[in-house]
């Protein structure tokens, strides 16, 4: 599915400008002076197996420096500018590309050479990280759905400051839920909120008085007792946090029996190797912070055509 229409051009332009400013804070690029502003082109290569994601951000970065990106649309083989060979494939976000030792050409960037190189590292950093999130999200989702399951795998709000939108977008492209996008997107009451408020019921009531009927309230719970209290107080979602698989399934079953419309989320300690322990008909969401915190970046490169 194409998620690029979710991203507004104004916000993309603003993000691209902030990333480029961070990379050239003084506004002087001696390397760009060396290559001059003559027109040229460079090819973008994927050099590792994984799910491709981040295209709208790359378009925005190169647009900000006055360059254009043409994404590959036909299959074939050819030669790289450094004399090596490449495979050319359609550049589709969400596609998992297999790597057999030969780089995959996904796009060509055209414009002044100094501007291409000014946007190069920023664009590659975005691609490698967004694709890394998408690849991890795809793998965890597929593991969870090895056997039929009606729930969803989700990320968390454990994102890199300043890079939240890129990582959340990678989750979507990879086939996972973004969870809440920010603090305003959904109310989540964690242990510190509850301790400060005095009780789960008091915290939920105070939150409801402020957010109204249109916003969901989720409560982080350490066991069935806390989850029952949260559901009884009117929480829409309960998170069973840091329970093992057996306790999770028992608690989820008991909650669904008494609160059939309650959304049950499981989080804490979920990994690629143990996620199947938490998959259950009574579990709606399995969230994992590692999808946006500790993911492996994919290898991309940009080579100027000689």
Protein backbone atom coordinates (compact mmCIF):
# COMPACT_ATOMS: atom_id res chain seq x y z
CA UNK A 1 0.00 0.00 0.00
CA UNK A 2 1.20 3.51 -0.83
CA UNK A 3 1.39 5.64 2.34
CA UNK A 4 3.15 8.63 0.78
CA UNK A 5 -0.10 10.63 0.53
CA UNK A 6 -0.20 10.76 4.35
CA UNK A 7 2.83 13.07 4.34
CA UNK A 8 2.12 16.73 3.65
CA UNK A 9 4.53 18.50 1.24
CA UNK A 10 4.94 21.45 3.61
CA UNK A 11 6.03 19.23 6.50
CA UNK A 12 8.34 17.20 4.28
CA UNK A 13 10.00 20.38 2.99
CA UNK A 14 10.43 21.68 6.53
CA UNK A 15 11.98 18.41 7.72
CA UNK A 16 14.33 18.25 4.73
CA UNK A 17 15.47 21.82 5.33
CA UNK A 18 16.15 21.12 9.02
CA UNK A 19 18.15 17.98 8.25
CA UNK A 20 20.25 19.77 5.62
CA UNK A 21 20.84 22.76 7.90
CA UNK A 22 22.06 20.41 10.63
CA UNK A 23 24.54 18.89 8.17
CA UNK A 24 25.84 22.27 6.90
CA UNK A 25 25.28 24.61 9.87
CA UNK A 26 27.83 27.21 8.71
CA UNK A 27 26.50 27.20 5.14
CA UNK A 28 29.95 26.52 3.64
CA UNK A 29 30.78 23.33 1.72
CA UNK A 30 34.34 23.22 0.39
CA UNK A 31 33.78 19.77 -1.10
CA UNK A 32 30.92 21.17 -3.16
CA UNK A 33 33.22 23.97 -4.35
CA UNK A 34 35.66 21.33 -5.61
CA UNK A 35 33.14 19.53 -7.81
CA UNK A 36 31.50 22.80 -9.06
CA UNK A 37 27.86 23.30 -9.99
CA UNK A 38 28.00 21.71 -13.42
CA UNK A 39 25.05 19.49 -14.28
CA UNK A 40 25.40 15.80 -13.65
CA UNK A 41 23.73 12.67 -12.28
CA UNK A 42 24.25 9.95 -9.72
CA UNK A 43 22.73 6.51 -9.25
CA UNK A 44 21.22 5.28 -6.00
CA UNK A 45 21.95 1.67 -5.08
CA UNK A 46 20.59 -0.75 -2.49
CA UNK A 47 23.39 -3.10 -1.40
CA UNK A 48 21.64 -5.33 1.11
CA UNK A 49 18.50 -7.46 1.37
CA UNK A 50 15.56 -5.69 2.94
CA UNK A 51 12.34 -3.71 2.60
CA UNK A 52 12.68 -0.40 0.76
CA UNK A 53 11.15 2.63 2.53
CA UNK A 54 11.72 6.39 2.73
CA UNK A 55 11.17 7.53 -0.83
CA UNK A 56 9.10 10.70 -0.04
CA UNK A 57 11.82 11.97 2.31
CA UNK A 58 14.53 11.44 -0.29
CA UNK A 59 12.48 13.32 -2.88
CA UNK A 60 12.09 16.20 -0.40
CA UNK A 61 15.81 16.34 0.44
CA UNK A 62 16.92 16.52 -3.18
CA UNK A 63 14.13 18.95 -4.07
CA UNK A 64 15.46 21.22 -1.30
CA UNK A 65 18.86 21.37 -3.04
CA UNK A 66 17.40 21.84 -6.51
CA UNK A 67 17.73 18.27 -7.80
CA UNK A 68 15.27 15.72 -9.16
CA UNK A 69 14.99 11.99 -8.49
CA UNK A 70 13.86 9.50 -11.15
CA UNK A 71 12.94 6.17 -9.62
CA UNK A 72 13.63 3.03 -11.70
CA UNK A 73 10.63 1.70 -13.59
CA UNK A 74 12.02 -1.14 -15.70
CA UNK A 75 13.94 -4.32 -14.98
CA UNK A 76 17.33 -4.96 -16.54
CA UNK A 77 21.04 -5.08 -15.91
CA UNK A 78 23.81 -2.61 -16.59
CA UNK A 79 27.08 -1.09 -15.45
CA UNK A 80 27.74 1.17 -12.48
CA UNK A 81 29.72 4.37 -12.86
CA UNK A 82 32.62 2.73 -10.99
CA UNK A 83 32.79 -0.08 -13.54
CA UNK A 84 30.87 -2.70 -11.58
CA UNK A 85 27.56 -4.26 -12.53
CA UNK A 86 24.09 -3.62 -11.12
CA UNK A 87 20.55 -4.92 -11.38
CA UNK A 88 17.83 -2.38 -12.09
CA UNK A 89 14.44 -3.05 -10.52
CA UNK A 90 11.23 -1.08 -10.02
CA UNK A 91 11.57 1.08 -6.89
CA UNK A 92 8.46 0.17 -4.94
CA UNK A 93 8.14 1.10 -1.28
CA UNK A 94 7.23 -1.91 0.81
CA UNK A 95 8.97 -4.27 -1.63
CA UNK A 96 11.43 -6.70 -0.08
CA UNK A 97 14.47 -6.83 -2.33
CA UNK A 98 16.77 -9.83 -2.30
CA UNK A 99 20.49 -9.19 -2.59
CA UNK A 100 22.75 -11.61 -4.43
CA UNK A 101 25.99 -9.65 -4.24
CA UNK A 102 25.05 -7.27 -7.06
CA UNK A 103 23.82 -3.76 -6.12
CA UNK A 104 20.24 -2.89 -7.07
CA UNK A 105 19.80 0.46 -8.79
CA UNK A 106 16.65 2.11 -7.50
CA UNK A 107 16.95 5.69 -8.74
CA UNK A 108 18.93 8.35 -10.57
CA UNK A 109 19.44 11.84 -9.13
CA UNK A 110 20.00 14.73 -11.55
CA UNK A 111 21.08 18.31 -10.94
CA UNK A 112 24.17 20.41 -10.11
CA UNK A 113 26.87 18.06 -8.85
CA UNK A 114 27.65 20.15 -5.79
CA UNK A 115 23.98 20.04 -4.78
CA UNK A 116 23.68 16.30 -5.40
CA UNK A 117 26.59 15.72 -3.02
CA UNK A 118 25.15 18.13 -0.44
CA UNK A 119 22.00 16.05 -0.28
CA UNK A 120 23.75 12.68 -0.57
CA UNK A 121 24.49 11.75 3.04
CA UNK A 122 21.24 13.11 4.43
CA UNK A 123 19.22 11.15 1.87
CA UNK A 124 21.20 7.94 2.44
CA UNK A 125 20.89 8.20 6.23
CA UNK A 126 17.13 8.57 5.91
CA UNK A 127 16.83 5.65 3.49
CA UNK A 128 19.03 3.30 5.50
CA UNK A 129 17.14 3.95 8.71
CA UNK A 130 13.61 4.07 7.31
CA UNK A 131 14.26 0.86 5.38
CA UNK A 132 15.77 -0.70 8.50
CA UNK A 133 12.59 -0.01 10.46
CA UNK A 134 10.42 -1.32 7.61
CA UNK A 135 12.51 -4.50 7.35
CA UNK A 136 12.28 -5.20 11.09
CA UNK A 137 8.54 -4.45 11.10
CA UNK A 138 7.93 -6.81 8.19
CA UNK A 139 9.91 -9.62 9.81
CA UNK A 140 8.20 -9.31 13.22
CA UNK A 141 4.74 -9.09 11.62
CA UNK A 142 5.37 -12.18 9.52
CA UNK A 143 6.60 -14.11 12.56
CA UNK A 144 3.48 -13.13 14.50
CA UNK A 145 1.26 -14.25 11.65
CA UNK A 146 3.03 -17.56 10.97
CA UNK A 147 -0.32 -19.04 11.97
CA UNK A 148 -3.67 -17.19 11.63
CA UNK A 149 -4.04 -14.35 14.14
CA UNK A 150 -6.40 -11.39 14.01
CA UNK A 151 -4.17 -8.97 15.93
CA UNK A 152 -1.54 -6.43 14.91
CA UNK A 153 2.12 -5.86 15.60
CA UNK A 154 2.95 -2.25 16.55
CA UNK A 155 5.88 -0.01 17.30
CA UNK A 156 6.02 2.31 20.30
CA UNK A 157 6.84 5.97 21.02
CA UNK A 158 10.49 5.01 21.51
CA UNK A 159 11.62 6.96 18.46
CA UNK A 160 14.72 9.02 17.73
CA UNK A 161 14.12 12.72 18.59
CA UNK A 162 13.79 14.66 15.35
CA UNK A 163 13.38 11.46 13.35
CA UNK A 164 9.98 10.32 14.61
CA UNK A 165 8.09 10.79 11.34
CA UNK A 166 10.64 8.81 9.32
CA UNK A 167 10.61 5.89 11.75
CA UNK A 168 6.82 5.88 12.10
CA UNK A 169 6.53 5.93 8.31
CA UNK A 170 8.90 2.96 8.12
CA UNK A 171 6.62 1.01 10.46
CA UNK A 172 3.64 1.60 8.15
CA UNK A 173 5.55 0.62 5.02
CA UNK A 174 6.80 -2.52 6.77
CA UNK A 175 3.25 -3.55 7.66
CA UNK A 176 3.13 -2.68 11.37
CA UNK A 177 0.98 -0.25 13.36
CA UNK A 178 2.56 3.04 14.35
CA UNK A 179 0.91 2.93 17.81
CA UNK A 180 0.35 6.52 19.01
CA UNK A 181 2.19 9.06 16.88
CA UNK A 182 2.85 11.45 19.77
CA UNK A 183 1.69 12.43 23.26
CA UNK A 184 -1.50 14.01 21.89
CA UNK A 185 -2.49 11.08 19.69
CA UNK A 186 -3.75 8.84 22.50
CA UNK A 187 -3.63 9.02 26.29
CA UNK A 188 -1.31 6.44 27.81
CA UNK A 189 -1.18 6.30 31.59
CA UNK A 190 2.01 4.64 32.79
CA UNK A 191 3.23 3.83 36.29
CA UNK A 192 4.47 7.38 36.95
CA UNK A 193 1.10 8.88 36.01
CA UNK A 194 -0.73 6.46 38.29
CA UNK A 195 1.63 6.96 41.23
CA UNK A 196 1.31 10.73 40.88
CA UNK A 197 -2.50 10.58 40.57
CA UNK A 198 -2.88 8.18 43.49
CA UNK A 199 -4.80 5.39 41.76
CA UNK A 200 -5.62 3.89 38.38
CA UNK A 201 -9.28 4.89 38.67
CA UNK A 202 -8.38 8.46 39.62
CA UNK A 203 -5.92 8.77 36.74
CA UNK A 204 -8.42 7.45 34.19
CA UNK A 205 -11.19 9.76 35.46
CA UNK A 206 -8.99 12.83 35.31
CA UNK A 207 -7.75 11.94 31.82
CA UNK A 208 -11.30 11.39 30.57
CA UNK A 209 -12.39 14.78 31.88
CA UNK A 210 -9.77 16.42 29.68
CA UNK A 211 -9.70 14.29 26.51
CA UNK A 212 -13.44 13.69 26.16
CA UNK A 213 -15.07 10.83 24.28
CA UNK A 214 -13.04 11.07 21.06
CA UNK A 215 -9.66 9.98 22.44
CA UNK A 216 -8.76 6.50 23.65
CA UNK A 217 -7.21 6.01 27.06
CA UNK A 218 -4.68 3.22 27.60
CA UNK A 219 -3.33 2.08 30.96
CA UNK A 220 -0.07 0.23 31.48
CA UNK A 221 -0.71 -2.69 33.87
CA UNK A 222 1.61 -5.10 35.66
CA UNK A 223 -0.97 -7.87 36.00
CA UNK A 224 -4.59 -8.93 35.83
CA UNK A 225 -5.63 -7.02 38.98
CA UNK A 226 -4.46 -3.66 37.64
CA UNK A 227 -5.93 -4.44 34.23
CA UNK A 228 -9.35 -5.16 35.73
CA UNK A 229 -9.22 -1.90 37.67
CA UNK A 230 -8.31 0.04 34.53
CA UNK A 231 -11.04 -1.58 32.43
CA UNK A 232 -13.60 -1.02 35.18
CA UNK A 233 -12.61 2.65 35.36
CA UNK A 234 -13.34 3.09 31.67
CA UNK A 235 -9.99 2.56 29.97
CA UNK A 236 -10.31 1.66 26.28
CA UNK A 237 -6.99 -0.21 26.11
CA UNK A 238 -4.96 -2.07 28.71
CA UNK A 239 -1.33 -2.93 28.22
CA UNK A 240 -0.13 -6.11 29.89
CA UNK A 241 3.47 -5.13 30.49
CA UNK A 242 6.43 -7.44 31.02
CA UNK A 243 4.46 -10.65 31.61
CA UNK A 244 5.60 -13.99 30.25
CA UNK A 245 3.59 -15.72 27.54
CA UNK A 246 1.59 -17.97 29.86
CA UNK A 247 0.52 -15.19 32.26
CA UNK A 248 -0.28 -12.96 29.30
CA UNK A 249 -2.67 -15.48 27.74
CA UNK A 250 -4.40 -16.19 31.07
CA UNK A 251 -4.88 -12.48 31.81
CA UNK A 252 -6.06 -11.67 28.27
CA UNK A 253 -8.63 -14.47 28.37
CA UNK A 254 -10.03 -13.31 31.72
CA UNK A 255 -10.20 -9.68 30.57
CA UNK A 256 -12.00 -10.48 27.32
CA UNK A 257 -14.55 -12.57 29.21
CA UNK A 258 -15.53 -9.67 31.49
CA UNK A 259 -14.79 -6.78 29.08
CA UNK A 260 -15.35 -8.12 25.56
CA UNK A 261 -14.84 -4.72 23.87
CA UNK A 262 -11.60 -3.97 25.68
CA UNK A 263 -8.46 -3.73 23.51
CA UNK A 264 -5.69 -5.85 25.02
CA UNK A 265 -2.11 -4.91 24.20
CA UNK A 266 1.00 -6.86 25.17
CA UNK A 267 4.39 -5.22 25.49
CA UNK A 268 7.74 -5.56 27.22
CA UNK A 269 10.37 -8.13 26.38
CA UNK A 270 8.90 -9.04 22.97
CA UNK A 271 11.57 -10.16 20.50
CA UNK A 272 11.88 -11.88 17.15
CA UNK A 273 12.55 -15.17 18.92
CA UNK A 274 9.68 -15.16 21.44
CA UNK A 275 6.84 -13.24 19.77
CA UNK A 276 4.86 -16.42 19.06
CA UNK A 277 4.57 -16.97 22.83
CA UNK A 278 2.36 -13.86 23.03
CA UNK A 279 0.14 -14.51 20.01
CA UNK A 280 -3.35 -15.39 21.25
CA UNK A 281 -6.93 -14.92 20.12
CA UNK A 282 -7.54 -12.64 23.11
CA UNK A 283 -4.54 -10.40 22.37
CA UNK A 284 -5.23 -7.53 19.95
CA UNK A 285 -1.88 -5.75 19.80
CA UNK A 286 1.72 -6.82 20.37
CA UNK A 287 4.03 -3.81 20.59
CA UNK A 288 7.80 -3.78 20.45
CA UNK A 289 10.09 -0.82 21.12
CA UNK A 290 12.98 -2.48 19.30
CA UNK A 291 11.30 -1.74 15.96
CA UNK A 292 12.26 1.92 16.33
CA UNK A 293 15.04 1.57 18.90
CA UNK A 294 17.86 -0.75 17.98
CA UNK A 295 16.90 -1.66 14.42
CA UNK A 296 19.57 -2.57 11.84
CA UNK A 297 20.18 0.01 9.12
CA UNK A 298 20.28 -1.07 5.47
CA UNK A 299 23.21 -0.28 3.18
CA UNK A 300 22.59 2.24 0.37
CA UNK A 301 25.09 4.19 -1.72
CA UNK A 302 25.02 7.04 -4.25
CA UNK A 303 27.57 7.07 -7.09
CA UNK A 304 28.16 10.02 -9.44
CA UNK A 305 28.10 9.05 -13.09
CA UNK A 306 31.38 9.80 -14.87
